[in-house]
Amino acid sequence: MMMNLLKKAILLVLISFFSFGCSDDDSAPDTQGKAKVSIKLMDAPGDFEHVYIDIVDVMVKVNDNRDGEEGWQSLETINTGLYDLLTLTGGVNVLLVDDFEVLSGTLNQIRLILGDHNTVVIDGVTHPLKTPSAQQSGLKIKINQTLLPNMAYTFLLDFDVDKSIVVAGNSGNINLKPVIRASAEATTGTISGSILPLDVQTQISATNGVDEITTYADVEGNFLLVGLTPGNYTVTITPDPMSDLLPTVLENVEVSAENNTAIGVITME
């Protein structure tokens, strides 16, 4: 009798373990992939001597089109501090975010977080730039840009100084109401293919004469080289030296931004 009760108790424990252990979240692998995001700040010229902006952080919402405060992610801005926007003209810009990984999908919004030390210099006099309460939590910029897996994107924030600095009527306050135009470009592509025979460990590398990207084929012979700037590459397939197979070299493999170059099946001999 006691033995039967013990068996039933063990069975219940095992059922509970597998019921809780095999949840929907665990059974559905994350296949969404990731993309890399860089953000640069530049300025359209304005009629002021200096405009200093206090950059604190850059945040994004990815795969989240809600307007609330939920879902914002910091991109861990690398170059925070004061910047004179009037020096960021004529192709000059400052890199705020450098290849930060986010989930692929849709980048819905970018938020530029400013500190309290924003000023404008007019006729040699420095004036504080007051930030309206609606902007104190950060300027939100609608993007809705598709981010493909394994691709890198650069977003350029073009700060329109003339439209962003407003003298507030009788008070004489000078307000900062940022007007920013955002543009995006995919900056990298990929190369994919597969290698035969399958029972040989194989290294695949691609070089454009400046950069070299390397990976290995998986157990099914497939490979993907990511983060390749557009241009022509030499792809080298190098088998395990113990296999007695010879390396294979492919010249002039063209890579374009936001596209995959498929080189098909490569059979080593």
C-alpha atoms as a PDB file:
ATOM      1  CA  MET A   1       0.000   0.000   0.000  1.00  0.00           C
ATOM      2  CA  MET A   2       2.733   2.438   0.988  1.00  0.00           C
ATOM      3  CA  MET A   3       4.659   1.537  -2.188  1.00  0.00           C
ATOM      4  CA  ASN A   4       1.659   2.384  -4.377  1.00  0.00           C
ATOM      5  CA  LEU A   5       1.206   5.745  -2.636  1.00  0.00           C
ATOM      6  CA  LEU A   6       4.892   6.516  -3.117  1.00  0.00           C
ATOM      7  CA  LYS A   7       4.692   5.709  -6.846  1.00  0.00           C
ATOM      8  CA  LYS A   8       1.652   7.979  -7.232  1.00  0.00           C
ATOM      9  CA  ALA A   9       3.417  10.834  -5.433  1.00  0.00           C
ATOM     10  CA  ILE A  10       6.485  10.505  -7.662  1.00  0.00           C
ATOM     11  CA  LEU A  11       4.250  10.449 -10.752  1.00  0.00           C
ATOM     12  CA  LEU A  12       2.491  13.657  -9.652  1.00  0.00           C
ATOM     13  CA  VAL A  13       5.834  15.390  -9.095  1.00  0.00           C
ATOM     14  CA  LEU A  14       7.030  14.390 -12.579  1.00  0.00           C
ATOM     15  CA  ILE A  15       3.791  15.584 -14.199  1.00  0.00           C
ATOM     16  CA  SER A  16       4.047  18.930 -12.386  1.00  0.00           C
ATOM     17  CA  PHE A  17       7.706  19.308 -13.409  1.00  0.00           C
ATOM     18  CA  PHE A  18       7.032  18.763 -17.101  1.00  0.00           C
ATOM     19  CA  SER A  19       3.856  20.890 -17.031  1.00  0.00           C
ATOM     20  CA  PHE A  20       5.699  23.902 -15.645  1.00  0.00           C
ATOM     21  CA  GLY A  21       9.011  23.232 -17.406  1.00  0.00           C
ATOM     22  CA  CYS A  22       7.541  23.053 -20.915  1.00  0.00           C
ATOM     23  CA  SER A  23       5.788  26.425 -21.067  1.00  0.00           C
ATOM     24  CA  ASP A  24       4.935  28.190 -24.300  1.00  0.00           C
ATOM     25  CA  ASP A  25       7.856  30.583 -23.813  1.00  0.00           C
ATOM     26  CA  ASP A  26      10.377  27.750 -23.563  1.00  0.00           C
ATOM     27  CA  SER A  27       8.995  25.812 -26.528  1.00  0.00           C
ATOM     28  CA  ALA A  28       9.125  28.820 -28.888  1.00  0.00           C
ATOM     29  CA  PRO A  29      12.744  29.702 -29.739  1.00  0.00           C
ATOM     30  CA  ASP A  30      13.678  33.324 -30.313  1.00  0.00           C
ATOM     31  CA  THR A  31      14.298  33.472 -34.054  1.00  0.00           C
ATOM     32  CA  GLN A  32      13.672  37.180 -34.531  1.00  0.00           C
ATOM     33  CA  GLY A  33      17.324  38.150 -34.732  1.00  0.00           C
ATOM     34  CA  LYS A  34      19.030  41.451 -34.043  1.00  0.00           C
ATOM     35  CA  ALA A  35      20.120  44.551 -35.946  1.00  0.00           C
ATOM     36  CA  LYS A  36      22.733  47.175 -35.125  1.00  0.00           C
ATOM     37  CA  VAL A  37      21.889  50.861 -34.770  1.00  0.00           C
ATOM     38  CA  SER A  38      24.179  53.905 -34.949  1.00  0.00           C
ATOM     39  CA  ILE A  39      22.969  57.487 -34.449  1.00  0.00           C
ATOM     40  CA  LYS A  40      24.685  60.700 -35.511  1.00  0.00           C
ATOM     41  CA  LEU A  41      23.722  64.312 -34.769  1.00  0.00           C
ATOM     42  CA  MET A  42      24.196  67.202 -37.193  1.00  0.00           C
ATOM     43  CA  ASP A  43      22.720  70.676 -37.678  1.00  0.00           C
ATOM     44  CA  ALA A  44      21.204  72.860 -40.348  1.00  0.00           C
ATOM     45  CA  PRO A  45      22.874  76.316 -40.058  1.00  0.00           C
ATOM     46  CA  GLY A  46      21.114  78.932 -37.925  1.00  0.00           C
ATOM     47  CA  ASP A  47      21.417  82.691 -37.374  1.00  0.00           C
ATOM     48  CA  PHE A  48      23.066  82.555 -33.931  1.00  0.00           C
ATOM     49  CA  GLU A  49      26.633  82.742 -32.667  1.00  0.00           C
ATOM     50  CA  HIS A  50      26.491  79.501 -30.668  1.00  0.00           C
ATOM     51  CA  VAL A  51      23.831  77.004 -29.674  1.00  0.00           C
ATOM     52  CA  TYR A  52      24.933  74.596 -26.948  1.00  0.00           C
ATOM     53  CA  ILE A  53      22.903  71.433 -26.441  1.00  0.00           C
ATOM     54  CA  ASP A  54      23.372  69.155 -23.420  1.00  0.00           C
ATOM     55  CA  ILE A  55      23.112  65.556 -24.671  1.00  0.00           C
ATOM     56  CA  VAL A  56      22.324  63.048 -21.908  1.00  0.00           C
ATOM     57  CA  ASP A  57      21.066  59.926 -23.677  1.00  0.00           C
ATOM     58  CA  VAL A  58      19.388  58.474 -26.744  1.00  0.00           C
ATOM     59  CA  MET A  59      16.555  55.971 -26.361  1.00  0.00           C
ATOM     60  CA  VAL A  60      14.425  53.949 -28.783  1.00  0.00           C
ATOM     61  CA  LYS A  61      11.196  52.034 -28.973  1.00  0.00           C
ATOM     62  CA  VAL A  62      11.433  48.869 -31.061  1.00  0.00           C
ATOM     63  CA  ASN A  63       8.351  46.826 -32.018  1.00  0.00           C
ATOM     64  CA  ASP A  64       6.236  49.024 -29.764  1.00  0.00           C
ATOM     65  CA  ASN A  65       3.964  51.694 -31.275  1.00  0.00           C
ATOM     66  CA  ARG A  66       2.373  52.775 -27.985  1.00  0.00           C
ATOM     67  CA  ASP A  67       2.593  56.457 -27.060  1.00  0.00           C
ATOM     68  CA  GLY A  68       3.148  55.915 -23.331  1.00  0.00           C
ATOM     69  CA  GLU A  69       6.320  55.674 -21.300  1.00  0.00           C
ATOM     70  CA  GLU A  70       6.534  51.904 -21.574  1.00  0.00           C
ATOM     71  CA  GLY A  71       9.041  50.127 -23.773  1.00  0.00           C
ATOM     72  CA  TRP A  72      11.808  52.744 -24.043  1.00  0.00           C
ATOM     73  CA  GLN A  73      15.347  51.331 -24.254  1.00  0.00           C
ATOM     74  CA  SER A  74      18.554  53.281 -23.655  1.00  0.00           C
ATOM     75  CA  LEU A  75      21.190  52.952 -26.382  1.00  0.00           C
ATOM     76  CA  GLU A  76      23.981  53.749 -23.920  1.00  0.00           C
ATOM     77  CA  THR A  77      25.086  56.946 -25.656  1.00  0.00           C
ATOM     78  CA  ILE A  78      28.877  57.049 -26.002  1.00  0.00           C
ATOM     79  CA  ASN A  79      29.426  60.792 -26.532  1.00  0.00           C
ATOM     80  CA  THR A  80      27.315  62.687 -24.022  1.00  0.00           C
ATOM     81  CA  GLY A  81      27.923  66.306 -23.013  1.00  0.00           C
ATOM     82  CA  LEU A  82      27.699  69.824 -24.440  1.00  0.00           C
ATOM     83  CA  TYR A  83      27.832  70.365 -28.200  1.00  0.00           C
ATOM     84  CA  ASP A  84      27.702  73.584 -30.176  1.00  0.00           C
ATOM     85  CA  LEU A  85      25.234  72.688 -32.907  1.00  0.00           C
ATOM     86  CA  LEU A  86      26.612  75.393 -35.182  1.00  0.00           C
ATOM     87  CA  THR A  87      29.865  73.422 -35.489  1.00  0.00           C
ATOM     88  CA  LEU A  88      27.953  70.370 -36.750  1.00  0.00           C
ATOM     89  CA  THR A  89      27.397  71.640 -40.275  1.00  0.00           C
ATOM     90  CA  GLY A  90      28.889  71.017 -43.701  1.00  0.00           C
ATOM     91  CA  GLY A  91      29.073  67.270 -43.228  1.00  0.00           C
ATOM     92  CA  VAL A  92      30.450  67.419 -39.661  1.00  0.00           C
ATOM     93  CA  ASN A  93      28.534  65.296 -37.152  1.00  0.00           C
ATOM     94  CA  VAL A  94      28.911  63.675 -33.749  1.00  0.00           C
ATOM     95  CA  LEU A  95      28.462  59.928 -33.224  1.00  0.00           C
ATOM     96  CA  LEU A  96      26.077  59.400 -30.314  1.00  0.00           C
ATOM     97  CA  VAL A  97      25.409  55.656 -30.679  1.00  0.00           C
ATOM     98  CA  ASP A  98      27.774  53.162 -32.283  1.00  0.00           C
ATOM     99  CA  ASP A  99      26.473  49.769 -33.496  1.00  0.00           C
ATOM    100  CA  PHE A 100      24.145  49.134 -30.546  1.00  0.00           C
ATOM    101  CA  GLU A 101      22.260  45.833 -30.887  1.00  0.00           C
ATOM    102  CA  VAL A 102      18.457  45.901 -30.786  1.00  0.00           C
ATOM    103  CA  LEU A 103      15.798  43.412 -31.826  1.00  0.00           C
ATOM    104  CA  SER A 104      15.036  43.424 -35.527  1.00  0.00           C
ATOM    105  CA  GLY A 105      11.543  44.421 -36.623  1.00  0.00           C
ATOM    106  CA  THR A 106      10.360  48.045 -36.539  1.00  0.00           C
ATOM    107  CA  LEU A 107      12.156  50.941 -34.894  1.00  0.00           C
ATOM    108  CA  ASN A 108       9.132  53.048 -33.989  1.00  0.00           C
ATOM    109  CA  GLN A 109      10.613  56.086 -32.226  1.00  0.00           C
ATOM    110  CA  ILE A 110      13.879  57.716 -31.204  1.00  0.00           C
ATOM    111  CA  ARG A 111      14.034  59.864 -28.075  1.00  0.00           C
ATOM    112  CA  LEU A 112      16.764  62.453 -27.559  1.00  0.00           C
ATOM    113  CA  ILE A 113      17.261  63.164 -23.848  1.00  0.00           C
ATOM    114  CA  LEU A 114      18.628  66.643 -23.083  1.00  0.00           C
ATOM    115  CA  GLY A 115      20.092  67.938 -19.817  1.00  0.00           C
ATOM    116  CA  ASP A 116      19.638  71.342 -18.172  1.00  0.00           C
ATOM    117  CA  HIS A 117      22.642  73.176 -19.641  1.00  0.00           C
ATOM    118  CA  ASN A 118      21.251  74.288 -22.994  1.00  0.00           C
ATOM    119  CA  THR A 119      22.177  77.856 -24.017  1.00  0.00           C
ATOM    120  CA  VAL A 120      22.231  80.185 -26.991  1.00  0.00           C
ATOM    121  CA  VAL A 121      24.684  83.036 -27.605  1.00  0.00           C
ATOM    122  CA  ILE A 122      23.261  86.153 -29.283  1.00  0.00           C
ATOM    123  CA  ASP A 123      25.345  89.325 -29.737  1.00  0.00           C
ATOM    124  CA  GLY A 124      27.922  87.964 -27.312  1.00  0.00           C
ATOM    125  CA  VAL A 125      25.356  87.356 -24.550  1.00  0.00           C
ATOM    126  CA  THR A 126      24.603  83.845 -23.318  1.00  0.00           C
ATOM    127  CA  HIS A 127      20.930  83.076 -22.711  1.00  0.00           C
ATOM    128  CA  PRO A 128      19.525  79.908 -21.108  1.00  0.00           C
ATOM    129  CA  LEU A 129      17.329  77.851 -23.374  1.00  0.00           C
ATOM    130  CA  LYS A 130      14.196  76.936 -21.460  1.00  0.00           C
ATOM    131  CA  THR A 131      12.648  73.595 -22.297  1.00  0.00           C
ATOM    132  CA  PRO A 132       8.832  73.363 -22.270  1.00  0.00           C
ATOM    133  CA  SER A 133       7.474  70.769 -19.843  1.00  0.00           C
ATOM    134  CA  ALA A 134       6.278  68.594 -22.716  1.00  0.00           C
ATOM    135  CA  GLN A 135       9.887  68.189 -23.869  1.00  0.00           C
ATOM    136  CA  GLN A 136      11.597  67.707 -20.516  1.00  0.00           C
ATOM    137  CA  SER A 137      11.276  63.929 -20.683  1.00  0.00           C
ATOM    138  CA  GLY A 138      12.988  63.943 -24.055  1.00  0.00           C
ATOM    139  CA  LEU A 139      12.153  64.767 -27.643  1.00  0.00           C
ATOM    140  CA  LYS A 140      10.339  61.911 -29.376  1.00  0.00           C
ATOM    141  CA  ILE A 141      10.897  61.450 -33.095  1.00  0.00           C
ATOM    142  CA  LYS A 142       8.662  59.121 -35.116  1.00  0.00           C
ATOM    143  CA  ILE A 143      10.718  56.766 -37.285  1.00  0.00           C
ATOM    144  CA  ASN A 144       8.864  53.515 -38.165  1.00  0.00           C
ATOM    145  CA  GLN A 145      11.926  52.117 -39.947  1.00  0.00           C
ATOM    146  CA  THR A 146      12.147  48.392 -40.678  1.00  0.00           C
ATOM    147  CA  LEU A 147      15.252  46.780 -39.164  1.00  0.00           C
ATOM    148  CA  LEU A 148      16.251  43.547 -40.866  1.00  0.00           C
ATOM    149  CA  PRO A 149      18.167  40.847 -38.946  1.00  0.00           C
ATOM    150  CA  ASN A 150      21.968  40.966 -39.213  1.00  0.00           C
ATOM    151  CA  MET A 151      21.924  44.430 -40.810  1.00  0.00           C
ATOM    152  CA  ALA A 152      23.400  47.689 -39.505  1.00  0.00           C
ATOM    153  CA  TYR A 153      21.636  51.046 -39.785  1.00  0.00           C
ATOM    154  CA  THR A 154      22.778  54.631 -39.289  1.00  0.00           C
ATOM    155  CA  PHE A 155      20.236  57.287 -38.311  1.00  0.00           C
ATOM    156  CA  LEU A 156      21.120  60.925 -38.903  1.00  0.00           C
ATOM    157  CA  LEU A 157      19.360  63.448 -36.658  1.00  0.00           C
ATOM    158  CA  ASP A 158      19.341  66.829 -38.408  1.00  0.00           C
ATOM    159  CA  PHE A 159      18.695  69.559 -35.795  1.00  0.00           C
ATOM    160  CA  ASP A 160      17.008  72.594 -37.394  1.00  0.00           C
ATOM    161  CA  VAL A 161      18.298  75.419 -35.157  1.00  0.00           C
ATOM    162  CA  ASP A 162      16.300  78.271 -36.717  1.00  0.00           C
ATOM    163  CA  LYS A 163      12.998  76.456 -36.148  1.00  0.00           C
ATOM    164  CA  SER A 164      14.001  75.039 -32.751  1.00  0.00           C
ATOM    165  CA  ILE A 165      14.753  78.294 -30.892  1.00  0.00           C
ATOM    166  CA  VAL A 166      11.709  80.443 -30.179  1.00  0.00           C
ATOM    167  CA  VAL A 167      11.454  83.789 -28.344  1.00  0.00           C
ATOM    168  CA  ALA A 168       8.410  83.569 -26.069  1.00  0.00           C
ATOM    169  CA  GLY A 169       6.442  86.800 -26.527  1.00  0.00           C
ATOM    170  CA  ASN A 170       6.408  89.318 -23.657  1.00  0.00           C
ATOM    171  CA  SER A 171       8.360  87.151 -21.207  1.00  0.00           C
ATOM    172  CA  GLY A 172      11.524  87.421 -23.241  1.00  0.00           C
ATOM    173  CA  ASN A 173      12.315  83.781 -22.516  1.00  0.00           C
ATOM    174  CA  ILE A 174      14.100  81.902 -25.257  1.00  0.00           C
ATOM    175  CA  ASN A 175      12.621  78.425 -25.525  1.00  0.00           C
ATOM    176  CA  LEU A 176      14.067  75.297 -27.013  1.00  0.00           C
ATOM    177  CA  LYS A 177      11.407  73.433 -28.996  1.00  0.00           C
ATOM    178  CA  PRO A 178      13.545  71.018 -30.981  1.00  0.00           C
ATOM    179  CA  VAL A 179      12.657  70.400 -34.612  1.00  0.00           C
ATOM    180  CA  ILE A 180      14.633  67.415 -35.843  1.00  0.00           C
ATOM    181  CA  ARG A 181      14.470  65.567 -39.137  1.00  0.00           C
ATOM    182  CA  ALA A 182      15.548  61.928 -38.985  1.00  0.00           C
ATOM    183  CA  SER A 183      16.826  59.938 -41.931  1.00  0.00           C
ATOM    184  CA  ALA A 184      18.053  56.359 -42.030  1.00  0.00           C
ATOM    185  CA  GLU A 185      20.230  54.217 -44.208  1.00  0.00           C
ATOM    186  CA  ALA A 186      21.209  50.586 -44.073  1.00  0.00           C
ATOM    187  CA  THR A 187      24.983  50.487 -44.013  1.00  0.00           C
ATOM    188  CA  THR A 188      25.866  46.791 -44.293  1.00  0.00           C
ATOM    189  CA  GLY A 189      24.971  43.607 -46.123  1.00  0.00           C
ATOM    190  CA  THR A 190      25.608  39.884 -45.753  1.00  0.00           C
ATOM    191  CA  ILE A 191      27.063  36.922 -47.666  1.00  0.00           C
ATOM    192  CA  SER A 192      25.561  33.456 -47.290  1.00  0.00           C
ATOM    193  CA  GLY A 193      26.139  30.006 -48.725  1.00  0.00           C
ATOM    194  CA  SER A 194      26.722  26.374 -47.861  1.00  0.00           C
ATOM    195  CA  ILE A 195      29.749  24.085 -47.890  1.00  0.00           C
ATOM    196  CA  LEU A 196      30.257  20.449 -48.875  1.00  0.00           C
ATOM    197  CA  PRO A 197      31.351  17.946 -47.617  1.00  0.00           C
ATOM    198  CA  LEU A 198      29.550  18.305 -44.296  1.00  0.00           C
ATOM    199  CA  ASP A 199      31.944  16.290 -42.130  1.00  0.00           C
ATOM    200  CA  VAL A 200      34.803  18.820 -42.383  1.00  0.00           C
ATOM    201  CA  GLN A 201      35.117  21.885 -40.163  1.00  0.00           C
ATOM    202  CA  THR A 202      35.370  24.885 -42.478  1.00  0.00           C
ATOM    203  CA  GLN A 203      36.277  28.525 -41.933  1.00  0.00           C
ATOM    204  CA  ILE A 204      34.853  31.189 -44.244  1.00  0.00           C
ATOM    205  CA  SER A 205      36.355  34.666 -44.444  1.00  0.00           C
ATOM    206  CA  ALA A 206      35.600  37.743 -46.544  1.00  0.00           C
ATOM    207  CA  THR A 207      37.888  40.718 -47.058  1.00  0.00           C
ATOM    208  CA  ASN A 208      37.622  43.931 -49.033  1.00  0.00           C
ATOM    209  CA  GLY A 209      41.298  44.770 -48.522  1.00  0.00           C
ATOM    210  CA  VAL A 210      40.563  46.776 -45.357  1.00  0.00           C
ATOM    211  CA  ASP A 211      38.282  44.695 -43.169  1.00  0.00           C
ATOM    212  CA  GLU A 212      38.100  40.930 -42.742  1.00  0.00           C
ATOM    213  CA  ILE A 213      35.013  39.099 -41.424  1.00  0.00           C
ATOM    214  CA  THR A 214      35.285  35.429 -40.449  1.00  0.00           C
ATOM    215  CA  THR A 215      32.825  32.700 -39.512  1.00  0.00           C
ATOM    216  CA  TYR A 216      32.455  28.894 -39.559  1.00  0.00           C
ATOM    217  CA  ALA A 217      29.970  26.656 -41.349  1.00  0.00           C
ATOM    218  CA  ASP A 218      27.409  24.998 -39.085  1.00  0.00           C
ATOM    219  CA  VAL A 219      26.721  21.228 -38.901  1.00  0.00           C
ATOM    220  CA  GLU A 220      24.518  21.499 -41.993  1.00  0.00           C
ATOM    221  CA  GLY A 221      27.219  23.337 -43.935  1.00  0.00           C
ATOM    222  CA  ASN A 222      25.475  26.717 -43.912  1.00  0.00           C
ATOM    223  CA  PHE A 223      27.190  30.011 -43.125  1.00  0.00           C
ATOM    224  CA  LEU A 224      26.367  33.729 -42.906  1.00  0.00           C
ATOM    225  CA  LEU A 225      28.903  36.573 -42.922  1.00  0.00           C
ATOM    226  CA  VAL A 226      27.357  39.732 -41.447  1.00  0.00           C
ATOM    227  CA  GLY A 227      28.277  43.386 -41.020  1.00  0.00           C
ATOM    228  CA  LEU A 228      29.862  43.810 -44.451  1.00  0.00           C
ATOM    229  CA  THR A 229      30.155  47.337 -45.808  1.00  0.00           C
ATOM    230  CA  PRO A 230      29.105  47.597 -49.480  1.00  0.00           C
ATOM    231  CA  GLY A 231      31.762  46.713 -52.048  1.00  0.00           C
ATOM    232  CA  ASN A 232      33.608  43.795 -53.606  1.00  0.00           C
ATOM    233  CA  TYR A 233      34.983  41.004 -51.421  1.00  0.00           C
ATOM    234  CA  THR A 234      37.300  38.062 -51.750  1.00  0.00           C
ATOM    235  CA  VAL A 235      35.736  35.054 -50.024  1.00  0.00           C
ATOM    236  CA  THR A 236      38.062  32.276 -48.870  1.00  0.00           C
ATOM    237  CA  ILE A 237      36.788  28.846 -47.768  1.00  0.00           C
ATOM    238  CA  THR A 238      39.439  27.103 -45.679  1.00  0.00           C
ATOM    239  CA  PRO A 239      38.857  23.457 -44.659  1.00  0.00           C
ATOM    240  CA  ASP A 240      40.443  21.743 -41.655  1.00  0.00           C
ATOM    241  CA  PRO A 241      44.114  21.145 -42.639  1.00  0.00           C
ATOM    242  CA  MET A 242      43.781  17.510 -41.549  1.00  0.00           C
ATOM    243  CA  SER A 243      41.120  16.925 -44.228  1.00  0.00           C
ATOM    244  CA  ASP A 244      43.555  17.124 -47.194  1.00  0.00           C
ATOM    245  CA  LEU A 245      41.000  19.336 -48.982  1.00  0.00           C
ATOM    246  CA  LEU A 246      42.192  22.510 -50.705  1.00  0.00           C
ATOM    247  CA  PRO A 247      40.990  26.041 -49.894  1.00  0.00           C
ATOM    248  CA  THR A 248      38.559  27.683 -52.326  1.00  0.00           C
ATOM    249  CA  VAL A 249      38.810  31.370 -53.222  1.00  0.00           C
ATOM    250  CA  LEU A 250      35.997  33.412 -54.780  1.00  0.00           C
ATOM    251  CA  GLU A 251      36.899  36.827 -56.180  1.00  0.00           C
ATOM    252  CA  ASN A 252      34.729  39.910 -56.677  1.00  0.00           C
ATOM    253  CA  VAL A 253      31.755  38.887 -54.558  1.00  0.00           C
ATOM    254  CA  GLU A 254      29.611  42.038 -54.526  1.00  0.00           C
ATOM    255  CA  VAL A 255      27.878  43.197 -51.352  1.00  0.00           C
ATOM    256  CA  SER A 256      25.220  45.910 -51.257  1.00  0.00           C
ATOM    257  CA  ALA A 257      23.533  47.570 -48.284  1.00  0.00           C
ATOM    258  CA  GLU A 258      20.513  45.828 -46.749  1.00  0.00           C
ATOM    259  CA  ASN A 259      20.884  42.838 -49.090  1.00  0.00           C
ATOM    260  CA  ASN A 260      22.164  39.291 -48.821  1.00  0.00           C
ATOM    261  CA  THR A 261      24.547  37.961 -51.479  1.00  0.00           C
ATOM    262  CA  ALA A 262      23.945  34.211 -51.833  1.00  0.00           C
ATOM    263  CA  ILE A 263      26.930  32.376 -53.335  1.00  0.00           C
ATOM    264  CA  GLY A 264      25.229  28.957 -53.367  1.00  0.00           C
ATOM    265  CA  VAL A 265      26.799  25.584 -52.605  1.00  0.00           C
ATOM    266  CA  ILE A 266      30.603  25.369 -52.602  1.00  0.00           C
ATOM    267  CA  THR A 267      32.028  21.857 -52.923  1.00  0.00           C
ATOM    268  CA  MET A 268      35.606  21.539 -51.708  1.00  0.00           C
ATOM    269  CA  GLU A 269      37.910  19.037 -53.390  1.00  0.00           C
END
